[in-house]
Amino acid sequence: MMEADSWWVIEEALKKNEWNQTRAAEELVLQRTYFTKLLRQKQICSRPPKSSSASAPDHKPDHT
């Protein structure tokens, strides 16, 4: 149970801080290096998930 809770706390800190690891670590009062280690250990992606609805439209260069 504790493992699931810690994963949630870390991910919520990342979301709240727009996936900025330094600010998320500061919010949790952790050193950034230890925070990064936790991300690896718990296999938490340090980047925001890609949203298919928020993806940029395909842009083709105009060759005139």
N, C-alpha and C. Protein backbone atom coordinates (compact mmCIF):
# COMPACT_ATOMS: atom_id res chain seq x y z
N MET A 1 0.82 -1.20 0.00
CA MET A 1 0.00 0.00 0.00
C MET A 1 0.87 1.27 0.00
N MET A 2 1.92 1.24 0.79
CA MET A 2 2.81 2.40 0.88
C MET A 2 3.47 2.68 -0.46
N GLU A 3 3.83 1.62 -1.19
CA GLU A 3 4.47 1.77 -2.49
C GLU A 3 3.56 2.51 -3.47
N ALA A 4 2.29 2.16 -3.51
CA ALA A 4 1.33 2.81 -4.40
C ALA A 4 1.14 4.27 -4.00
N ASP A 5 1.10 4.53 -2.72
CA ASP A 5 0.93 5.90 -2.24
C ASP A 5 2.12 6.78 -2.61
N SER A 6 3.33 6.26 -2.47
CA SER A 6 4.51 7.07 -2.79
C SER A 6 4.57 7.36 -4.28
N TRP A 7 4.19 6.39 -5.12
CA TRP A 7 4.14 6.61 -6.57
C TRP A 7 3.18 7.75 -6.88
N TRP A 8 2.01 7.73 -6.24
CA TRP A 8 0.99 8.75 -6.48
C TRP A 8 1.49 10.13 -6.04
N VAL A 9 2.11 10.20 -4.89
CA VAL A 9 2.62 11.48 -4.36
C VAL A 9 3.65 12.08 -5.31
N ILE A 10 4.55 11.25 -5.81
CA ILE A 10 5.59 11.72 -6.73
C ILE A 10 4.97 12.21 -8.03
N GLU A 11 4.06 11.44 -8.59
CA GLU A 11 3.45 11.84 -9.85
C GLU A 11 2.61 13.12 -9.69
N GLU A 12 1.91 13.25 -8.60
CA GLU A 12 1.12 14.47 -8.36
C GLU A 12 2.02 15.69 -8.22
N ALA A 13 3.17 15.54 -7.57
CA ALA A 13 4.11 16.66 -7.45
C ALA A 13 4.63 17.06 -8.83
N LEU A 14 4.89 16.08 -9.68
CA LEU A 14 5.33 16.39 -11.05
C LEU A 14 4.24 17.13 -11.81
N LYS A 15 3.02 16.63 -11.73
CA LYS A 15 1.91 17.27 -12.45
C LYS A 15 1.72 18.71 -11.96
N LYS A 16 1.72 18.89 -10.65
CA LYS A 16 1.50 20.21 -10.05
C LYS A 16 2.57 21.21 -10.49
N ASN A 17 3.77 20.71 -10.71
CA ASN A 17 4.90 21.57 -11.07
C ASN A 17 5.22 21.50 -12.56
N GLU A 18 4.20 21.13 -13.35
CA GLU A 18 4.33 21.08 -14.81
C GLU A 18 5.51 20.23 -15.24
N TRP A 19 5.72 19.10 -14.56
CA TRP A 19 6.74 18.10 -14.86
C TRP A 19 8.16 18.63 -14.68
N ASN A 20 8.31 19.72 -13.91
CA ASN A 20 9.63 20.24 -13.59
C ASN A 20 10.15 19.46 -12.38
N GLN A 21 11.18 18.64 -12.60
CA GLN A 21 11.69 17.76 -11.55
C GLN A 21 12.28 18.53 -10.38
N THR A 22 12.95 19.62 -10.65
CA THR A 22 13.57 20.39 -9.57
C THR A 22 12.51 20.96 -8.64
N ARG A 23 11.47 21.56 -9.21
CA ARG A 23 10.40 22.12 -8.36
C ARG A 23 9.62 21.03 -7.64
N ALA A 24 9.39 19.90 -8.31
CA ALA A 24 8.67 18.79 -7.67
C ALA A 24 9.48 18.27 -6.48
N ALA A 25 10.79 18.13 -6.67
CA ALA A 25 11.66 17.67 -5.58
C ALA A 25 11.64 18.66 -4.42
N GLU A 26 11.70 19.94 -4.74
CA GLU A 26 11.66 20.97 -3.69
C GLU A 26 10.35 20.90 -2.92
N GLU A 27 9.24 20.70 -3.64
CA GLU A 27 7.94 20.61 -2.97
C GLU A 27 7.89 19.44 -1.99
N LEU A 28 8.54 18.36 -2.36
CA LEU A 28 8.56 17.17 -1.50
C LEU A 28 9.71 17.17 -0.50
N VAL A 29 10.46 18.27 -0.48
CA VAL A 29 11.62 18.45 0.40
C VAL A 29 12.61 17.29 0.21
N LEU A 30 12.95 17.07 -1.06
CA LEU A 30 13.93 16.05 -1.42
C LEU A 30 15.02 16.68 -2.27
N GLN A 31 16.21 16.11 -2.19
CA GLN A 31 17.26 16.55 -3.11
C GLN A 31 16.87 16.09 -4.50
N ARG A 32 17.19 16.89 -5.51
CA ARG A 32 16.80 16.54 -6.86
C ARG A 32 17.42 15.21 -7.30
N THR A 33 18.66 14.96 -6.91
CA THR A 33 19.31 13.71 -7.31
C THR A 33 18.59 12.50 -6.72
N TYR A 34 18.14 12.62 -5.48
CA TYR A 34 17.39 11.52 -4.86
C TYR A 34 16.02 11.38 -5.52
N PHE A 35 15.40 12.50 -5.85
CA PHE A 35 14.11 12.48 -6.53
C PHE A 35 14.23 11.76 -7.88
N THR A 36 15.28 12.05 -8.62
CA THR A 36 15.52 11.40 -9.91
C THR A 36 15.72 9.90 -9.71
N LYS A 37 16.43 9.53 -8.66
CA LYS A 37 16.64 8.12 -8.35
C LYS A 37 15.31 7.43 -8.06
N LEU A 38 14.43 8.10 -7.32
CA LEU A 38 13.11 7.54 -7.04
C LEU A 38 12.29 7.34 -8.32
N LEU A 39 12.40 8.30 -9.24
CA LEU A 39 11.69 8.16 -10.51
C LEU A 39 12.14 6.89 -11.23
N ARG A 40 13.44 6.65 -11.25
CA ARG A 40 13.96 5.45 -11.92
C ARG A 40 13.52 4.19 -11.18
N GLN A 41 13.65 4.18 -9.86
CA GLN A 41 13.31 3.00 -9.07
C GLN A 41 11.84 2.63 -9.21
N LYS A 42 10.98 3.62 -9.23
CA LYS A 42 9.55 3.37 -9.29
C LYS A 42 9.03 3.36 -10.73
N GLN A 43 9.95 3.51 -11.68
CA GLN A 43 9.63 3.51 -13.11
C GLN A 43 8.53 4.53 -13.44
N ILE A 44 8.73 5.75 -12.93
CA ILE A 44 7.81 6.85 -13.20
C ILE A 44 8.42 7.68 -14.32
N CYS A 45 7.66 7.91 -15.35
CA CYS A 45 8.14 8.71 -16.47
C CYS A 45 8.29 10.16 -16.01
N SER A 46 9.42 10.75 -16.36
CA SER A 46 9.68 12.13 -15.91
C SER A 46 9.16 13.16 -16.90
N ARG A 47 8.47 12.71 -17.93
CA ARG A 47 7.88 13.62 -18.91
C ARG A 47 6.37 13.46 -18.91
N PRO A 48 5.66 14.52 -19.25
CA PRO A 48 4.21 14.41 -19.28
C PRO A 48 3.76 13.41 -20.34
N PRO A 49 2.67 12.70 -20.07
CA PRO A 49 2.17 11.76 -21.07
C PRO A 49 1.71 12.51 -22.31
N LYS A 50 1.93 11.90 -23.46
CA LYS A 50 1.49 12.52 -24.71
C LYS A 50 -0.01 12.33 -24.84
N SER A 51 -0.69 13.41 -25.15
CA SER A 51 -2.14 13.37 -25.32
C SER A 51 -2.44 13.41 -26.80
N SER A 52 -3.21 12.45 -27.27
CA SER A 52 -3.52 12.40 -28.71
C SER A 52 -4.36 13.60 -29.13
N SER A 53 -5.20 14.11 -28.23
CA SER A 53 -6.04 15.26 -28.58
C SER A 53 -5.26 16.57 -28.56
N ALA A 54 -4.15 16.60 -27.84
CA ALA A 54 -3.37 17.83 -27.73
C ALA A 54 -2.18 17.84 -28.66
N SER A 55 -2.09 16.85 -29.53
CA SER A 55 -0.93 16.80 -30.41
C SER A 55 -1.00 17.91 -31.45
N ALA A 56 0.16 18.35 -31.84
CA ALA A 56 0.24 19.44 -32.82
C ALA A 56 -0.19 18.92 -34.19
N PRO A 57 -0.86 19.74 -34.95
CA PRO A 57 -1.25 19.31 -36.30
C PRO A 57 -0.03 19.13 -37.18
N ASP A 58 -0.15 18.23 -38.13
CA ASP A 58 0.96 18.02 -39.07
C ASP A 58 1.16 19.28 -39.89
N HIS A 59 2.40 19.70 -39.99
CA HIS A 59 2.71 20.90 -40.74
C HIS A 59 3.66 20.51 -41.86
N LYS A 60 3.26 20.77 -43.07
CA LYS A 60 4.10 20.48 -44.21
C LYS A 60 4.66 21.79 -44.73
N PRO A 61 5.97 21.85 -44.95
CA PRO A 61 6.56 23.09 -45.44
C PRO A 61 6.00 23.45 -46.81
N ASP A 62 5.87 24.73 -47.01
CA ASP A 62 5.35 25.24 -48.27
C ASP A 62 6.52 25.44 -49.23
N HIS A 63 6.60 24.60 -50.24
CA HIS A 63 7.68 24.71 -51.24
C HIS A 63 7.16 25.39 -52.48
N THR A 64 7.26 26.68 -52.53
CA THR A 64 6.79 27.43 -53.70
C THR A 64 7.94 28.06 -54.43
